Amino acid sequence: MSSVFDPNLQALDPDRRIAAALERLSHVFRVKLWQENRRHGLSPLQIQLLVFLLFHDRALATVGRLAREFNVTPPTASDAVRVLVEKGLLLARRESR
């Protein structure tokens, strides 16, 4: 069975080496999120939402968009946003149609 994580195959294929390196970077990112979670009392998703909202256009700041961006259900995104609002880290605005 060939796997991107097989070091023998990584030595022969730069694409496999890159994929394995990206997976290791992803792990480091998850660890950093958990460290911030402990320090600030936030979940990794809440931290990711804050970072996303900080660097993206306000038009993308909807619960539906956040749910799609982070591959969670709208109720999960809504709950994360609600907690951030309760902690005073976000200001909620109702979209008028």
N, C-alpha and C. Protein backbone atom coordinates (compact mmCIF):
# COMPACT_ATOMS: atom_id res chain seq x y z
N MET A 1 0.85 -1.18 0.00
CA MET A 1 0.00 0.00 0.00
C MET A 1 0.89 1.24 0.00
N SER A 2 0.71 2.12 -0.96
CA SER A 2 1.53 3.33 -1.01
C SER A 2 0.84 4.44 -0.22
N SER A 3 1.65 5.16 0.53
CA SER A 3 1.13 6.23 1.37
C SER A 3 2.05 7.44 1.28
N VAL A 4 1.45 8.59 1.37
CA VAL A 4 2.22 9.83 1.36
C VAL A 4 3.14 9.89 2.58
N PHE A 5 2.84 9.11 3.62
CA PHE A 5 3.62 9.14 4.85
C PHE A 5 4.77 8.13 4.86
N ASP A 6 4.90 7.34 3.81
CA ASP A 6 5.99 6.37 3.70
C ASP A 6 7.28 7.14 3.36
N PRO A 7 8.25 7.18 4.29
CA PRO A 7 9.48 7.95 4.05
C PRO A 7 10.24 7.49 2.81
N ASN A 8 10.16 6.19 2.48
CA ASN A 8 10.86 5.69 1.30
C ASN A 8 10.27 6.29 0.02
N LEU A 9 8.94 6.44 0.00
CA LEU A 9 8.29 7.04 -1.17
C LEU A 9 8.50 8.54 -1.20
N GLN A 10 8.56 9.17 -0.04
CA GLN A 10 8.80 10.61 0.02
C GLN A 10 10.16 10.95 -0.58
N ALA A 11 11.13 10.08 -0.35
CA ALA A 11 12.47 10.34 -0.88
C ALA A 11 12.48 10.34 -2.40
N LEU A 12 11.54 9.64 -2.99
CA LEU A 12 11.50 9.53 -4.45
C LEU A 12 10.55 10.52 -5.11
N ASP A 13 9.64 11.11 -4.33
CA ASP A 13 8.57 11.92 -4.93
C ASP A 13 8.41 13.24 -4.18
N PRO A 14 8.80 14.34 -4.80
CA PRO A 14 8.67 15.64 -4.13
C PRO A 14 7.22 15.98 -3.74
N ASP A 15 6.25 15.55 -4.52
CA ASP A 15 4.85 15.82 -4.18
C ASP A 15 4.46 15.14 -2.86
N ARG A 16 4.92 13.92 -2.66
CA ARG A 16 4.65 13.22 -1.40
C ARG A 16 5.35 13.92 -0.23
N ARG A 17 6.56 14.38 -0.48
CA ARG A 17 7.33 15.07 0.56
C ARG A 17 6.61 16.36 0.96
N ILE A 18 6.10 17.09 -0.03
CA ILE A 18 5.37 18.33 0.23
C ILE A 18 4.08 18.03 1.00
N ALA A 19 3.35 17.01 0.59
CA ALA A 19 2.10 16.65 1.27
C ALA A 19 2.36 16.29 2.72
N ALA A 20 3.41 15.54 2.98
CA ALA A 20 3.75 15.15 4.35
C ALA A 20 4.15 16.38 5.17
N ALA A 21 4.90 17.29 4.56
CA ALA A 21 5.30 18.52 5.26
C ALA A 21 4.08 19.38 5.58
N LEU A 22 3.14 19.46 4.66
CA LEU A 22 1.91 20.23 4.92
C LEU A 22 1.11 19.61 6.06
N GLU A 23 1.09 18.29 6.13
CA GLU A 23 0.38 17.63 7.22
C GLU A 23 1.05 17.96 8.55
N ARG A 24 2.38 17.98 8.58
CA ARG A 24 3.09 18.32 9.82
C ARG A 24 2.82 19.77 10.22
N LEU A 25 2.78 20.68 9.24
CA LEU A 25 2.46 22.08 9.53
C LEU A 25 1.03 22.21 10.06
N SER A 26 0.13 21.43 9.51
CA SER A 26 -1.25 21.44 9.98
C SER A 26 -1.31 21.01 11.44
N HIS A 27 -0.52 20.02 11.79
CA HIS A 27 -0.47 19.56 13.18
C HIS A 27 0.03 20.68 14.09
N VAL A 28 1.07 21.38 13.68
CA VAL A 28 1.62 22.48 14.47
C VAL A 28 0.54 23.56 14.66
N PHE A 29 -0.19 23.86 13.60
CA PHE A 29 -1.26 24.85 13.67
C PHE A 29 -2.32 24.42 14.69
N ARG A 30 -2.72 23.15 14.66
CA ARG A 30 -3.72 22.65 15.62
C ARG A 30 -3.21 22.75 17.05
N VAL A 31 -1.94 22.44 17.28
CA VAL A 31 -1.36 22.54 18.62
C VAL A 31 -1.39 23.99 19.09
N LYS A 32 -1.03 24.92 18.22
CA LYS A 32 -1.05 26.34 18.58
C LYS A 32 -2.47 26.78 18.91
N LEU A 33 -3.45 26.31 18.16
CA LEU A 33 -4.84 26.66 18.46
C LEU A 33 -5.24 26.17 19.84
N TRP A 34 -4.84 24.94 20.18
CA TRP A 34 -5.18 24.42 21.51
C TRP A 34 -4.48 25.19 22.60
N GLN A 35 -3.24 25.64 22.36
CA GLN A 35 -2.54 26.46 23.35
C GLN A 35 -3.27 27.78 23.58
N GLU A 36 -3.71 28.40 22.50
CA GLU A 36 -4.47 29.65 22.61
C GLU A 36 -5.80 29.39 23.30
N ASN A 37 -6.39 28.23 23.03
CA ASN A 37 -7.65 27.86 23.68
C ASN A 37 -7.47 27.90 25.19
N ARG A 38 -6.45 27.26 25.67
CA ARG A 38 -6.23 27.23 27.12
C ARG A 38 -5.96 28.62 27.68
N ARG A 39 -5.22 29.40 26.94
CA ARG A 39 -4.84 30.73 27.43
C ARG A 39 -6.02 31.70 27.46
N HIS A 40 -6.90 31.61 26.48
CA HIS A 40 -7.99 32.58 26.35
C HIS A 40 -9.37 31.99 26.60
N GLY A 41 -9.45 30.70 26.85
CA GLY A 41 -10.74 30.08 27.08
C GLY A 41 -11.61 30.02 25.83
N LEU A 42 -10.97 29.86 24.68
CA LEU A 42 -11.68 29.78 23.41
C LEU A 42 -11.45 28.42 22.78
N SER A 43 -12.41 27.99 21.97
CA SER A 43 -12.23 26.75 21.23
C SER A 43 -11.39 27.03 19.99
N PRO A 44 -10.78 26.01 19.41
CA PRO A 44 -10.04 26.22 18.16
C PRO A 44 -10.92 26.86 17.08
N LEU A 45 -12.18 26.44 16.99
CA LEU A 45 -13.07 27.03 15.99
C LEU A 45 -13.28 28.51 16.26
N GLN A 46 -13.47 28.88 17.51
CA GLN A 46 -13.67 30.29 17.83
C GLN A 46 -12.44 31.12 17.45
N ILE A 47 -11.25 30.59 17.70
CA ILE A 47 -10.03 31.30 17.32
C ILE A 47 -9.94 31.42 15.81
N GLN A 48 -10.26 30.34 15.10
CA GLN A 48 -10.22 30.38 13.64
C GLN A 48 -11.22 31.40 13.10
N LEU A 49 -12.38 31.48 13.70
CA LEU A 49 -13.38 32.46 13.25
C LEU A 49 -12.84 33.88 13.45
N LEU A 50 -12.25 34.14 14.61
CA LEU A 50 -11.70 35.47 14.86
C LEU A 50 -10.62 35.84 13.84
N VAL A 51 -9.73 34.91 13.57
CA VAL A 51 -8.66 35.18 12.59
C VAL A 51 -9.26 35.42 11.21
N PHE A 52 -10.22 34.59 10.82
CA PHE A 52 -10.86 34.75 9.51
C PHE A 52 -11.52 36.12 9.42
N LEU A 53 -12.28 36.48 10.44
CA LEU A 53 -13.01 37.75 10.41
C LEU A 53 -12.07 38.95 10.45
N LEU A 54 -10.94 38.81 11.09
CA LEU A 54 -9.97 39.89 11.15
C LEU A 54 -9.39 40.23 9.78
N PHE A 55 -9.21 39.21 8.94
CA PHE A 55 -8.50 39.42 7.69
C PHE A 55 -9.38 39.32 6.44
N HIS A 56 -10.68 39.20 6.60
CA HIS A 56 -11.56 39.11 5.43
C HIS A 56 -12.58 40.23 5.43
N ASP A 57 -13.11 40.48 4.26
CA ASP A 57 -14.11 41.52 4.08
C ASP A 57 -15.34 41.28 4.95
N ARG A 58 -15.92 42.33 5.44
CA ARG A 58 -17.10 42.24 6.30
C ARG A 58 -18.26 41.52 5.62
N ALA A 59 -18.32 41.59 4.30
CA ALA A 59 -19.40 40.91 3.56
C ALA A 59 -19.34 39.39 3.75
N LEU A 60 -18.18 38.86 4.12
CA LEU A 60 -18.03 37.42 4.34
C LEU A 60 -18.34 37.01 5.77
N ALA A 61 -18.71 37.97 6.59
CA ALA A 61 -18.92 37.72 8.02
C ALA A 61 -20.37 37.32 8.30
N THR A 62 -20.79 36.24 7.68
CA THR A 62 -22.13 35.70 7.97
C THR A 62 -21.97 34.30 8.53
N VAL A 63 -22.93 33.89 9.31
CA VAL A 63 -22.87 32.55 9.91
C VAL A 63 -22.81 31.49 8.81
N GLY A 64 -23.61 31.66 7.77
CA GLY A 64 -23.61 30.68 6.68
C GLY A 64 -22.25 30.58 6.01
N ARG A 65 -21.64 31.72 5.75
CA ARG A 65 -20.31 31.72 5.11
C ARG A 65 -19.27 31.09 6.03
N LEU A 66 -19.33 31.42 7.32
CA LEU A 66 -18.38 30.85 8.28
C LEU A 66 -18.55 29.33 8.38
N ALA A 67 -19.79 28.88 8.36
CA ALA A 67 -20.04 27.44 8.41
C ALA A 67 -19.43 26.74 7.20
N ARG A 68 -19.61 27.32 6.03
CA ARG A 68 -19.03 26.72 4.81
C ARG A 68 -17.51 26.78 4.84
N GLU A 69 -16.96 27.90 5.26
CA GLU A 69 -15.51 28.09 5.28
C GLU A 69 -14.82 27.08 6.18
N PHE A 70 -15.45 26.76 7.32
CA PHE A 70 -14.81 25.87 8.30
C PHE A 70 -15.45 24.49 8.34
N ASN A 71 -16.29 24.22 7.36
CA ASN A 71 -16.89 22.90 7.21
C ASN A 71 -17.58 22.42 8.49
N VAL A 72 -18.41 23.30 9.03
CA VAL A 72 -19.23 22.97 10.20
C VAL A 72 -20.68 23.29 9.86
N THR A 73 -21.59 22.84 10.68
CA THR A 73 -23.00 23.14 10.43
C THR A 73 -23.29 24.59 10.82
N PRO A 74 -24.30 25.20 10.21
CA PRO A 74 -24.66 26.57 10.62
C PRO A 74 -24.95 26.70 12.12
N PRO A 75 -25.64 25.72 12.76
CA PRO A 75 -25.82 25.86 14.22
C PRO A 75 -24.50 25.87 14.99
N THR A 76 -23.52 25.10 14.54
CA THR A 76 -22.21 25.09 15.21
C THR A 76 -21.52 26.43 15.05
N ALA A 77 -21.55 26.98 13.83
CA ALA A 77 -20.96 28.30 13.60
C ALA A 77 -21.69 29.36 14.41
N SER A 78 -23.01 29.27 14.43
CA SER A 78 -23.81 30.23 15.18
C SER A 78 -23.48 30.19 16.66
N ASP A 79 -23.32 29.00 17.21
CA ASP A 79 -22.99 28.86 18.62
C ASP A 79 -21.61 29.46 18.92
N ALA A 80 -20.64 29.22 18.05
CA ALA A 80 -19.30 29.77 18.24
C ALA A 80 -19.35 31.29 18.19
N VAL A 81 -20.11 31.85 17.26
CA VAL A 81 -20.25 33.30 17.16
C VAL A 81 -20.94 33.85 18.41
N ARG A 82 -21.98 33.17 18.87
CA ARG A 82 -22.70 33.61 20.06
C ARG A 82 -21.76 33.72 21.27
N VAL A 83 -20.90 32.72 21.45
CA VAL A 83 -19.95 32.75 22.57
C VAL A 83 -18.99 33.91 22.42
N LEU A 84 -18.52 34.15 21.20
CA LEU A 84 -17.59 35.26 20.96
C LEU A 84 -18.25 36.60 21.25
N VAL A 85 -19.53 36.71 20.91
CA VAL A 85 -20.28 37.94 21.21
C VAL A 85 -20.43 38.09 22.72
N GLU A 86 -20.79 36.99 23.40
CA GLU A 86 -20.95 37.03 24.86
C GLU A 86 -19.65 37.42 25.57
N LYS A 87 -18.51 37.02 25.00
CA LYS A 87 -17.22 37.35 25.60
C LYS A 87 -16.75 38.74 25.20
N GLY A 88 -17.54 39.42 24.37
CA GLY A 88 -17.18 40.77 23.96
C GLY A 88 -16.11 40.84 22.89
N LEU A 89 -15.87 39.71 22.20
CA LEU A 89 -14.84 39.65 21.16
C LEU A 89 -15.39 39.95 19.76
N LEU A 90 -16.69 39.87 19.62
CA LEU A 90 -17.35 40.18 18.34
C LEU A 90 -18.58 41.03 18.63
N LEU A 91 -18.93 41.80 17.65
CA LEU A 91 -20.17 42.56 17.69
C LEU A 91 -21.12 41.96 16.66
N ALA A 92 -22.26 41.51 17.13
CA ALA A 92 -23.24 40.86 16.22
C ALA A 92 -24.11 41.94 15.60
N ARG A 93 -24.37 41.77 14.33
CA ARG A 93 -25.29 42.65 13.61
C ARG A 93 -26.25 41.79 12.82
N ARG A 94 -27.47 42.14 12.89
CA ARG A 94 -28.50 41.46 12.08
C ARG A 94 -28.45 42.04 10.68
N GLU A 95 -28.50 41.16 9.71
CA GLU A 95 -28.50 41.60 8.32
C GLU A 95 -29.89 41.99 7.92
N SER A 96 -30.07 43.21 7.43
CA SER A 96 -31.39 43.63 6.97
C SER A 96 -31.54 43.30 5.50
N ARG A 97 -32.70 42.80 5.15
CA ARG A 97 -32.92 42.39 3.74
C ARG A 97 -33.98 43.22 3.12
